[in-house]
Amino acid sequence: MDIKIQAVRFVADQKLIDFVSKKIEKLSTYHDRIMNVDVFLKLDNVAHTIKDKIVEIRASVPKHEFFVKASSKSFEESFENALESITNQIKRKKEKLAV
């Protein structure tokens, strides 16, 4: 599984990158054929005041792609919400394939 983490319009500290990559590694327990995962960390700034932290996760498996977007006041919370959503999508897809 290839993991790419991108911070858009800011520099993410190593602690945040380590947090994200450690959690993303666990996705492979839900689906063994995940090829790559892209994580985008973005700041939503409205009129020069930083408002929300946005996390987008795109995961690719053969013949399917999953995408989620979450926002909150911290990157950790946004990431946890997005990870939970994409985990549910992956589980549902795998259950459908098993039937």
PDB file of N, CA and C in Angstrom:
ATOM      1  N   MET A   1       0.846  -1.181   0.000  1.00  0.00           N
ATOM      2  CA  MET A   1       0.000   0.000   0.000  1.00  0.00           C
ATOM      3  C   MET A   1       0.889   1.241   0.000  1.00  0.00           C
ATOM      4  N   ASP A   2       0.653   2.096  -0.963  1.00  0.00           N
ATOM      5  CA  ASP A   2       1.422   3.327  -1.109  1.00  0.00           C
ATOM      6  C   ASP A   2       0.640   4.473  -0.466  1.00  0.00           C
ATOM      7  N   ILE A   3       1.273   5.172   0.478  1.00  0.00           N
ATOM      8  CA  ILE A   3       0.603   6.258   1.204  1.00  0.00           C
ATOM      9  C   ILE A   3       1.259   7.587   0.847  1.00  0.00           C
ATOM     10  N   LYS A   4       0.438   8.553   0.431  1.00  0.00           N
ATOM     11  CA  LYS A   4       0.930   9.904   0.145  1.00  0.00           C
ATOM     12  C   LYS A   4       0.149  10.889   1.000  1.00  0.00           C
ATOM     13  N   ILE A   5       0.884  11.721   1.726  1.00  0.00           N
ATOM     14  CA  ILE A   5       0.256  12.732   2.569  1.00  0.00           C
ATOM     15  C   ILE A   5       0.691  14.098   2.049  1.00  0.00           C
ATOM     16  N   GLN A   6      -0.285  14.947   1.729  1.00  0.00           N
ATOM     17  CA  GLN A   6       0.017  16.270   1.192  1.00  0.00           C
ATOM     18  C   GLN A   6      -0.647  17.351   2.033  1.00  0.00           C
ATOM     19  N   ALA A   7       0.143  18.331   2.421  1.00  0.00           N
ATOM     20  CA  ALA A   7      -0.383  19.499   3.110  1.00  0.00           C
ATOM     21  C   ALA A   7      -0.530  20.601   2.062  1.00  0.00           C
ATOM     22  N   VAL A   8      -1.740  21.097   1.905  1.00  0.00           N
ATOM     23  CA  VAL A   8      -2.029  22.094   0.875  1.00  0.00           C
ATOM     24  C   VAL A   8      -1.956  23.492   1.481  1.00  0.00           C
ATOM     25  N   ARG A   9      -1.083  24.331   0.952  1.00  0.00           N
ATOM     26  CA  ARG A   9      -0.890  25.731   1.340  1.00  0.00           C
ATOM     27  C   ARG A   9      -0.396  25.934   2.769  1.00  0.00           C
ATOM     28  N   PHE A  10       0.220  24.924   3.372  1.00  0.00           N
ATOM     29  CA  PHE A  10       0.886  25.081   4.663  1.00  0.00           C
ATOM     30  C   PHE A  10       1.854  23.919   4.843  1.00  0.00           C
ATOM     31  N   VAL A  11       2.716  24.011   5.830  1.00  0.00           N
ATOM     32  CA  VAL A  11       3.684  22.952   6.108  1.00  0.00           C
ATOM     33  C   VAL A  11       3.227  22.197   7.352  1.00  0.00           C
ATOM     34  N   ALA A  12       2.975  20.909   7.181  1.00  0.00           N
ATOM     35  CA  ALA A  12       2.512  20.078   8.305  1.00  0.00           C
ATOM     36  C   ALA A  12       3.718  19.655   9.148  1.00  0.00           C
ATOM     37  N   ASP A  13       3.543  19.660  10.459  1.00  0.00           N
ATOM     38  CA  ASP A  13       4.643  19.228  11.316  1.00  0.00           C
ATOM     39  C   ASP A  13       4.741  17.692  11.306  1.00  0.00           C
ATOM     40  N   GLN A  14       5.892  17.188  11.658  1.00  0.00           N
ATOM     41  CA  GLN A  14       6.181  15.752  11.594  1.00  0.00           C
ATOM     42  C   GLN A  14       5.245  14.941  12.491  1.00  0.00           C
ATOM     43  N   LYS A  15       4.848  15.521  13.621  1.00  0.00           N
ATOM     44  CA  LYS A  15       3.945  14.842  14.557  1.00  0.00           C
ATOM     45  C   LYS A  15       2.612  14.523  13.882  1.00  0.00           C
ATOM     46  N   LEU A  16       2.070  15.482  13.133  1.00  0.00           N
ATOM     47  CA  LEU A  16       0.803  15.281  12.424  1.00  0.00           C
ATOM     48  C   LEU A  16       0.964  14.232  11.326  1.00  0.00           C
ATOM     49  N   ILE A  17       2.040  14.296  10.579  1.00  0.00           N
ATOM     50  CA  ILE A  17       2.289  13.334   9.501  1.00  0.00           C
ATOM     51  C   ILE A  17       2.441  11.922  10.063  1.00  0.00           C
ATOM     52  N   ASP A  18       3.157  11.784  11.174  1.00  0.00           N
ATOM     53  CA  ASP A  18       3.316  10.472  11.811  1.00  0.00           C
ATOM     54  C   ASP A  18       1.980   9.931  12.303  1.00  0.00           C
ATOM     55  N   PHE A  19       1.159  10.814  12.889  1.00  0.00           N
ATOM     56  CA  PHE A  19      -0.168  10.440  13.373  1.00  0.00           C
ATOM     57  C   PHE A  19      -1.019   9.891  12.233  1.00  0.00           C
ATOM     58  N   VAL A  20      -1.033  10.623  11.113  1.00  0.00           N
ATOM     59  CA  VAL A  20      -1.836  10.233   9.956  1.00  0.00           C
ATOM     60  C   VAL A  20      -1.343   8.913   9.367  1.00  0.00           C
ATOM     61  N   SER A  21      -0.043   8.781   9.155  1.00  0.00           N
ATOM     62  CA  SER A  21       0.461   7.569   8.514  1.00  0.00           C
ATOM     63  C   SER A  21       0.281   6.331   9.392  1.00  0.00           C
ATOM     64  N   LYS A  22       0.415   6.490  10.700  1.00  0.00           N
ATOM     65  CA  LYS A  22       0.224   5.351  11.607  1.00  0.00           C
ATOM     66  C   LYS A  22      -1.221   4.842  11.536  1.00  0.00           C
ATOM     67  N   LYS A  23      -2.171   5.773  11.508  1.00  0.00           N
ATOM     68  CA  LYS A  23      -3.590   5.395  11.452  1.00  0.00           C
ATOM     69  C   LYS A  23      -3.966   4.815  10.083  1.00  0.00           C
ATOM     70  N   ILE A  24      -3.410   5.381   9.018  1.00  0.00           N
ATOM     71  CA  ILE A  24      -3.720   4.908   7.664  1.00  0.00           C
ATOM     72  C   ILE A  24      -3.239   3.469   7.459  1.00  0.00           C
ATOM     73  N   GLU A  25      -2.125   3.121   8.080  1.00  0.00           N
ATOM     74  CA  GLU A  25      -1.588   1.753   7.967  1.00  0.00           C
ATOM     75  C   GLU A  25      -2.648   0.716   8.364  1.00  0.00           C
ATOM     76  N   LYS A  26      -3.517   1.072   9.300  1.00  0.00           N
ATOM     77  CA  LYS A  26      -4.522   0.132   9.802  1.00  0.00           C
ATOM     78  C   LYS A  26      -5.622  -0.171   8.776  1.00  0.00           C
ATOM     79  N   LEU A  27      -5.733   0.641   7.703  1.00  0.00           N
ATOM     80  CA  LEU A  27      -6.738   0.377   6.675  1.00  0.00           C
ATOM     81  C   LEU A  27      -6.529  -0.986   6.021  1.00  0.00           C
ATOM     82  N   SER A  28      -5.295  -1.433   5.962  1.00  0.00           N
ATOM     83  CA  SER A  28      -5.013  -2.713   5.301  1.00  0.00           C
ATOM     84  C   SER A  28      -5.643  -3.892   6.041  1.00  0.00           C
ATOM     85  N   THR A  29      -6.046  -3.704   7.294  1.00  0.00           N
ATOM     86  CA  THR A  29      -6.719  -4.787   8.022  1.00  0.00           C
ATOM     87  C   THR A  29      -8.155  -4.985   7.528  1.00  0.00           C
ATOM     88  N   TYR A  30      -8.733  -3.968   6.874  1.00  0.00           N
ATOM     89  CA  TYR A  30     -10.106  -4.059   6.395  1.00  0.00           C
ATOM     90  C   TYR A  30     -10.194  -4.542   4.958  1.00  0.00           C
ATOM     91  N   HIS A  31      -9.145  -4.302   4.188  1.00  0.00           N
ATOM     92  CA  HIS A  31      -9.127  -4.746   2.790  1.00  0.00           C
ATOM     93  C   HIS A  31      -7.679  -5.011   2.425  1.00  0.00           C
ATOM     94  N   ASP A  32      -7.392  -6.213   1.967  1.00  0.00           N
ATOM     95  CA  ASP A  32      -6.003  -6.595   1.712  1.00  0.00           C
ATOM     96  C   ASP A  32      -5.476  -6.144   0.353  1.00  0.00           C
ATOM     97  N   ARG A  33      -6.327  -5.554  -0.479  1.00  0.00           N
ATOM     98  CA  ARG A  33      -5.882  -5.162  -1.817  1.00  0.00           C
ATOM     99  C   ARG A  33      -5.879  -3.648  -2.046  1.00  0.00           C
ATOM    100  N   ILE A  34      -5.745  -2.874  -0.985  1.00  0.00           N
ATOM    101  CA  ILE A  34      -5.659  -1.416  -1.137  1.00  0.00           C
ATOM    102  C   ILE A  34      -4.331  -1.094  -1.797  1.00  0.00           C
ATOM    103  N   MET A  35      -4.393  -0.411  -2.948  1.00  0.00           N
ATOM    104  CA  MET A  35      -3.176  -0.108  -3.701  1.00  0.00           C
ATOM    105  C   MET A  35      -2.506   1.166  -3.202  1.00  0.00           C
ATOM    106  N   ASN A  36      -3.286   2.247  -3.140  1.00  0.00           N
ATOM    107  CA  ASN A  36      -2.703   3.494  -2.648  1.00  0.00           C
ATOM    108  C   ASN A  36      -3.737   4.334  -1.915  1.00  0.00           C
ATOM    109  N   VAL A  37      -3.213   5.182  -1.027  1.00  0.00           N
ATOM    110  CA  VAL A  37      -4.049   6.075  -0.228  1.00  0.00           C
ATOM    111  C   VAL A  37      -3.444   7.471  -0.320  1.00  0.00           C
ATOM    112  N   ASP A  38      -4.258   8.438  -0.701  1.00  0.00           N
ATOM    113  CA  ASP A  38      -3.835   9.840  -0.735  1.00  0.00           C
ATOM    114  C   ASP A  38      -4.571  10.585   0.358  1.00  0.00           C
ATOM    115  N   VAL A  39      -3.819  11.326   1.171  1.00  0.00           N
ATOM    116  CA  VAL A  39      -4.410  12.127   2.244  1.00  0.00           C
ATOM    117  C   VAL A  39      -4.059  13.590   1.969  1.00  0.00           C
ATOM    118  N   PHE A  40      -5.073  14.436   1.923  1.00  0.00           N
ATOM    119  CA  PHE A  40      -4.870  15.863   1.704  1.00  0.00           C
ATOM    120  C   PHE A  40      -5.276  16.610   2.962  1.00  0.00           C
ATOM    121  N   LEU A  41      -4.383  17.405   3.489  1.00  0.00           N
ATOM    122  CA  LEU A  41      -4.644  18.236   4.666  1.00  0.00           C
ATOM    123  C   LEU A  41      -4.760  19.676   4.174  1.00  0.00           C
ATOM    124  N   LYS A  42      -5.903  20.303   4.420  1.00  0.00           N
ATOM    125  CA  LYS A  42      -6.142  21.649   3.890  1.00  0.00           C
ATOM    126  C   LYS A  42      -6.658  22.572   4.981  1.00  0.00           C
ATOM    127  N   LEU A  43      -6.382  23.857   4.805  1.00  0.00           N
ATOM    128  CA  LEU A  43      -6.949  24.893   5.678  1.00  0.00           C
ATOM    129  C   LEU A  43      -8.056  25.591   4.920  1.00  0.00           C
ATOM    130  N   ASP A  44      -9.216  25.716   5.542  1.00  0.00           N
ATOM    131  CA  ASP A  44     -10.332  26.441   4.941  1.00  0.00           C
ATOM    132  C   ASP A  44     -10.305  27.851   5.509  1.00  0.00           C
ATOM    133  N   ASN A  45      -9.776  28.787   4.734  1.00  0.00           N
ATOM    134  CA  ASN A  45      -9.695  30.156   5.250  1.00  0.00           C
ATOM    135  C   ASN A  45     -10.633  31.065   4.462  1.00  0.00           C
ATOM    136  N   VAL A  46     -11.509  31.686   5.216  1.00  0.00           N
ATOM    137  CA  VAL A  46     -12.489  32.583   4.647  1.00  0.00           C
ATOM    138  C   VAL A  46     -12.072  34.009   4.996  1.00  0.00           C
ATOM    139  N   ALA A  47     -11.776  34.813   4.000  1.00  0.00           N
ATOM    140  CA  ALA A  47     -11.394  36.219   4.179  1.00  0.00           C
ATOM    141  C   ALA A  47     -10.235  36.366   5.181  1.00  0.00           C
ATOM    142  N   HIS A  48      -9.195  35.578   4.955  1.00  0.00           N
ATOM    143  CA  HIS A  48      -7.947  35.636   5.728  1.00  0.00           C
ATOM    144  C   HIS A  48      -8.073  35.242   7.194  1.00  0.00           C
ATOM    145  N   THR A  49      -9.193  34.649   7.592  1.00  0.00           N
ATOM    146  CA  THR A  49      -9.294  34.114   8.946  1.00  0.00           C
ATOM    147  C   THR A  49      -9.406  32.601   8.833  1.00  0.00           C
ATOM    148  N   ILE A  50      -8.474  31.905   9.430  1.00  0.00           N
ATOM    149  CA  ILE A  50      -8.455  30.452   9.332  1.00  0.00           C
ATOM    150  C   ILE A  50      -9.606  29.887  10.142  1.00  0.00           C
ATOM    151  N   LYS A  51     -10.415  29.082   9.477  1.00  0.00           N
ATOM    152  CA  LYS A  51     -11.635  28.601  10.092  1.00  0.00           C
ATOM    153  C   LYS A  51     -11.543  27.114  10.409  1.00  0.00           C
ATOM    154  N   ASP A  52     -11.669  26.270   9.424  1.00  0.00           N
ATOM    155  CA  ASP A  52     -11.705  24.833   9.650  1.00  0.00           C
ATOM    156  C   ASP A  52     -10.499  24.134   9.042  1.00  0.00           C
ATOM    157  N   LYS A  53     -10.214  22.953   9.593  1.00  0.00           N
ATOM    158  CA  LYS A  53      -9.173  22.089   9.048  1.00  0.00           C
ATOM    159  C   LYS A  53      -9.886  20.984   8.276  1.00  0.00           C
ATOM    160  N   ILE A  54      -9.524  20.819   7.006  1.00  0.00           N
ATOM    161  CA  ILE A  54     -10.187  19.855   6.135  1.00  0.00           C
ATOM    162  C   ILE A  54      -9.233  18.704   5.842  1.00  0.00           C
ATOM    163  N   VAL A  55      -9.755  17.487   5.920  1.00  0.00           N
ATOM    164  CA  VAL A  55      -8.988  16.299   5.567  1.00  0.00           C
ATOM    165  C   VAL A  55      -9.764  15.553   4.495  1.00  0.00           C
ATOM    166  N   GLU A  56      -9.074  15.232   3.392  1.00  0.00           N
ATOM    167  CA  GLU A  56      -9.659  14.420   2.333  1.00  0.00           C
ATOM    168  C   GLU A  56      -8.823  13.155   2.211  1.00  0.00           C
ATOM    169  N   ILE A  57      -9.493  12.013   2.114  1.00  0.00           N
ATOM    170  CA  ILE A  57      -8.796  10.738   1.957  1.00  0.00           C
ATOM    171  C   ILE A  57      -9.343  10.046   0.716  1.00  0.00           C
ATOM    172  N   ARG A  58      -8.434   9.607  -0.160  1.00  0.00           N
ATOM    173  CA  ARG A  58      -8.803   8.843  -1.349  1.00  0.00           C
ATOM    174  C   ARG A  58      -8.051   7.510  -1.283  1.00  0.00           C
ATOM    175  N   ALA A  59      -8.786   6.411  -1.310  1.00  0.00           N
ATOM    176  CA  ALA A  59      -8.174   5.078  -1.275  1.00  0.00           C
ATOM    177  C   ALA A  59      -8.580   4.329  -2.534  1.00  0.00           C
ATOM    178  N   SER A  60      -7.614   3.639  -3.139  1.00  0.00           N
ATOM    179  CA  SER A  60      -7.876   2.898  -4.368  1.00  0.00           C
ATOM    180  C   SER A  60      -7.672   1.407  -4.157  1.00  0.00           C
ATOM    181  N   VAL A  61      -8.671   0.653  -4.581  1.00  0.00           N
ATOM    182  CA  VAL A  61      -8.565  -0.806  -4.650  1.00  0.00           C
ATOM    183  C   VAL A  61      -8.860  -1.164  -6.108  1.00  0.00           C
ATOM    184  N   PRO A  62      -8.532  -2.373  -6.531  1.00  0.00           N
ATOM    185  CA  PRO A  62      -8.831  -2.726  -7.929  1.00  0.00           C
ATOM    186  C   PRO A  62     -10.304  -2.511  -8.274  1.00  0.00           C
ATOM    187  N   LYS A  63     -10.557  -1.789  -9.346  1.00  0.00           N
ATOM    188  CA  LYS A  63     -11.892  -1.510  -9.891  1.00  0.00           C
ATOM    189  C   LYS A  63     -12.769  -0.612  -9.030  1.00  0.00           C
ATOM    190  N   HIS A  64     -12.203   0.019  -8.000  1.00  0.00           N
ATOM    191  CA  HIS A  64     -13.021   0.920  -7.181  1.00  0.00           C
ATOM    192  C   HIS A  64     -12.140   1.961  -6.487  1.00  0.00           C
ATOM    193  N   GLU A  65     -12.732   3.131  -6.245  1.00  0.00           N
ATOM    194  CA  GLU A  65     -12.029   4.187  -5.525  1.00  0.00           C
ATOM    195  C   GLU A  65     -12.962   4.754  -4.462  1.00  0.00           C
ATOM    196  N   PHE A  66     -12.427   4.948  -3.271  1.00  0.00           N
ATOM    197  CA  PHE A  66     -13.186   5.509  -2.155  1.00  0.00           C
ATOM    198  C   PHE A  66     -12.702   6.931  -1.912  1.00  0.00           C
ATOM    199  N   PHE A  67     -13.639   7.828  -1.530  1.00  0.00           N
ATOM    200  CA  PHE A  67     -13.258   9.208  -1.249  1.00  0.00           C
ATOM    201  C   PHE A  67     -14.115   9.742  -0.106  1.00  0.00           C
ATOM    202  N   VAL A  68     -13.457  10.403   0.849  1.00  0.00           N
ATOM    203  CA  VAL A  68     -14.188  11.072   1.934  1.00  0.00           C
ATOM    204  C   VAL A  68     -13.560  12.433   2.209  1.00  0.00           C
ATOM    205  N   LYS A  69     -14.386  13.311   2.752  1.00  0.00           N
ATOM    206  CA  LYS A  69     -13.924  14.648   3.118  1.00  0.00           C
ATOM    207  C   LYS A  69     -14.562  14.993   4.454  1.00  0.00           C
ATOM    208  N   ALA A  70     -13.747  15.494   5.387  1.00  0.00           N
ATOM    209  CA  ALA A  70     -14.265  15.875   6.701  1.00  0.00           C
ATOM    210  C   ALA A  70     -13.595  17.163   7.142  1.00  0.00           C
ATOM    211  N   SER A  71     -14.327  17.968   7.920  1.00  0.00           N
ATOM    212  CA  SER A  71     -13.743  19.201   8.431  1.00  0.00           C
ATOM    213  C   SER A  71     -14.174  19.414   9.880  1.00  0.00           C
ATOM    214  N   SER A  72     -13.268  20.025  10.643  1.00  0.00           N
ATOM    215  CA  SER A  72     -13.549  20.378  12.031  1.00  0.00           C
ATOM    216  C   SER A  72     -12.521  21.423  12.456  1.00  0.00           C
ATOM    217  N   LYS A  73     -12.436  21.670  13.743  1.00  0.00           N
ATOM    218  CA  LYS A  73     -11.518  22.698  14.248  1.00  0.00           C
ATOM    219  C   LYS A  73     -10.076  22.201  14.383  1.00  0.00           C
ATOM    220  N   SER A  74      -9.855  20.870  14.318  1.00  0.00           N
ATOM    221  CA  SER A  74      -8.482  20.354  14.396  1.00  0.00           C
ATOM    222  C   SER A  74      -8.267  19.284  13.333  1.00  0.00           C
ATOM    223  N   PHE A  75      -7.029  19.145  12.875  1.00  0.00           N
ATOM    224  CA  PHE A  75      -6.726  18.135  11.871  1.00  0.00           C
ATOM    225  C   PHE A  75      -6.945  16.732  12.414  1.00  0.00           C
ATOM    226  N   GLU A  76      -6.632  16.515  13.693  1.00  0.00           N
ATOM    227  CA  GLU A  76      -6.786  15.188  14.273  1.00  0.00           C
ATOM    228  C   GLU A  76      -8.242  14.751  14.257  1.00  0.00           C
ATOM    229  N   GLU A  77      -9.133  15.650  14.663  1.00  0.00           N
ATOM    230  CA  GLU A  77     -10.560  15.325  14.680  1.00  0.00           C
ATOM    231  C   GLU A  77     -11.090  15.105  13.267  1.00  0.00           C
ATOM    232  N   SER A  78     -10.697  15.978  12.332  1.00  0.00           N
ATOM    233  CA  SER A  78     -11.113  15.825  10.941  1.00  0.00           C
ATOM    234  C   SER A  78     -10.631  14.496  10.381  1.00  0.00           C
ATOM    235  N   PHE A  79      -9.373  14.161  10.687  1.00  0.00           N
ATOM    236  CA  PHE A  79      -8.808  12.919  10.181  1.00  0.00           C
ATOM    237  C   PHE A  79      -9.530  11.702  10.759  1.00  0.00           C
ATOM    238  N   GLU A  80      -9.820  11.727  12.053  1.00  0.00           N
ATOM    239  CA  GLU A  80     -10.529  10.605  12.691  1.00  0.00           C
ATOM    240  C   GLU A  80     -11.903  10.405  12.038  1.00  0.00           C
ATOM    241  N   ASN A  81     -12.624  11.499  11.793  1.00  0.00           N
ATOM    242  CA  ASN A  81     -13.943  11.410  11.153  1.00  0.00           C
ATOM    243  C   ASN A  81     -13.835  10.852   9.739  1.00  0.00           C
ATOM    244  N   ALA A  82     -12.867  11.348   8.983  1.00  0.00           N
ATOM    245  CA  ALA A  82     -12.681  10.884   7.607  1.00  0.00           C
ATOM    246  C   ALA A  82     -12.265   9.415   7.586  1.00  0.00           C
ATOM    247  N   LEU A  83     -11.376   9.039   8.487  1.00  0.00           N
ATOM    248  CA  LEU A  83     -10.908   7.652   8.548  1.00  0.00           C
ATOM    249  C   LEU A  83     -12.059   6.704   8.892  1.00  0.00           C
ATOM    250  N   GLU A  84     -12.909   7.128   9.822  1.00  0.00           N
ATOM    251  CA  GLU A  84     -14.068   6.302  10.180  1.00  0.00           C
ATOM    252  C   GLU A  84     -14.990   6.117   8.982  1.00  0.00           C
ATOM    253  N   SER A  85     -15.232   7.186   8.232  1.00  0.00           N
ATOM    254  CA  SER A  85     -16.103   7.111   7.059  1.00  0.00           C
ATOM    255  C   SER A  85     -15.524   6.199   5.977  1.00  0.00           C
ATOM    256  N   ILE A  86     -14.249   6.359   5.692  1.00  0.00           N
ATOM    257  CA  ILE A  86     -13.650   5.542   4.629  1.00  0.00           C
ATOM    258  C   ILE A  86     -13.540   4.085   5.060  1.00  0.00           C
ATOM    259  N   THR A  87     -13.333   3.849   6.346  1.00  0.00           N
ATOM    260  CA  THR A  87     -13.301   2.480   6.861  1.00  0.00           C
ATOM    261  C   THR A  87     -14.661   1.814   6.658  1.00  0.00           C
ATOM    262  N   ASN A  88     -15.732   2.546   6.954  1.00  0.00           N
ATOM    263  CA  ASN A  88     -17.087   2.010   6.757  1.00  0.00           C
ATOM    264  C   ASN A  88     -17.354   1.715   5.280  1.00  0.00           C
ATOM    265  N   GLN A  89     -16.917   2.611   4.391  1.00  0.00           N
ATOM    266  CA  GLN A  89     -17.106   2.386   2.956  1.00  0.00           C
ATOM    267  C   GLN A  89     -16.377   1.125   2.501  1.00  0.00           C
ATOM    268  N   ILE A  90     -15.147   0.968   2.959  1.00  0.00           N
ATOM    269  CA  ILE A  90     -14.338  -0.189   2.572  1.00  0.00           C
ATOM    270  C   ILE A  90     -14.963  -1.476   3.097  1.00  0.00           C
ATOM    271  N   LYS A  91     -15.431  -1.461   4.345  1.00  0.00           N
ATOM    272  CA  LYS A  91     -16.071  -2.650   4.925  1.00  0.00           C
ATOM    273  C   LYS A  91     -17.326  -3.032   4.137  1.00  0.00           C
ATOM    274  N   ARG A  92     -18.156  -2.033   3.813  1.00  0.00           N
ATOM    275  CA  ARG A  92     -19.387  -2.302   3.063  1.00  0.00           C
ATOM    276  C   ARG A  92     -19.091  -2.899   1.690  1.00  0.00           C
ATOM    277  N   LYS A  93     -18.100  -2.344   1.006  1.00  0.00           N
ATOM    278  CA  LYS A  93     -17.732  -2.829  -0.321  1.00  0.00           C
ATOM    279  C   LYS A  93     -17.233  -4.273  -0.242  1.00  0.00           C
ATOM    280  N   LYS A  94     -16.422  -4.562   0.765  1.00  0.00           N
ATOM    281  CA  LYS A  94     -15.897  -5.912   0.906  1.00  0.00           C
ATOM    282  C   LYS A  94     -17.011  -6.904   1.243  1.00  0.00           C
ATOM    283  N   GLU A  95     -17.973  -6.490   2.062  1.00  0.00           N
ATOM    284  CA  GLU A  95     -19.119  -7.351   2.388  1.00  0.00           C
ATOM    285  C   GLU A  95     -19.928  -7.659   1.138  1.00  0.00           C
ATOM    286  N   LYS A  96     -20.126  -6.666   0.267  1.00  0.00           N
ATOM    287  CA  LYS A  96     -20.866  -6.882  -0.968  1.00  0.00           C
ATOM    288  C   LYS A  96     -20.136  -7.871  -1.881  1.00  0.00           C
ATOM    289  N   LEU A  97     -18.812  -7.779  -1.918  1.00  0.00           N
ATOM    290  CA  LEU A  97     -18.030  -8.686  -2.743  1.00  0.00           C
ATOM    291  C   LEU A  97     -18.091 -10.118  -2.198  1.00  0.00           C
ATOM    292  N   ALA A  98     -18.216 -10.250  -0.896  1.00  0.00           N
ATOM    293  CA  ALA A  98     -18.237 -11.579  -0.275  1.00  0.00           C
ATOM    294  C   ALA A  98     -19.569 -12.295  -0.514  1.00  0.00           C
ATOM    295  N   VAL A  99     -20.626 -11.509  -0.768  1.00  0.00           N
ATOM    296  CA  VAL A  99     -21.966 -12.111  -0.955  1.00  0.00           C
ATOM    297  C   VAL A  99     -22.110 -12.691  -2.331  1.00  0.00           C
TER     298      VAL A  99
END
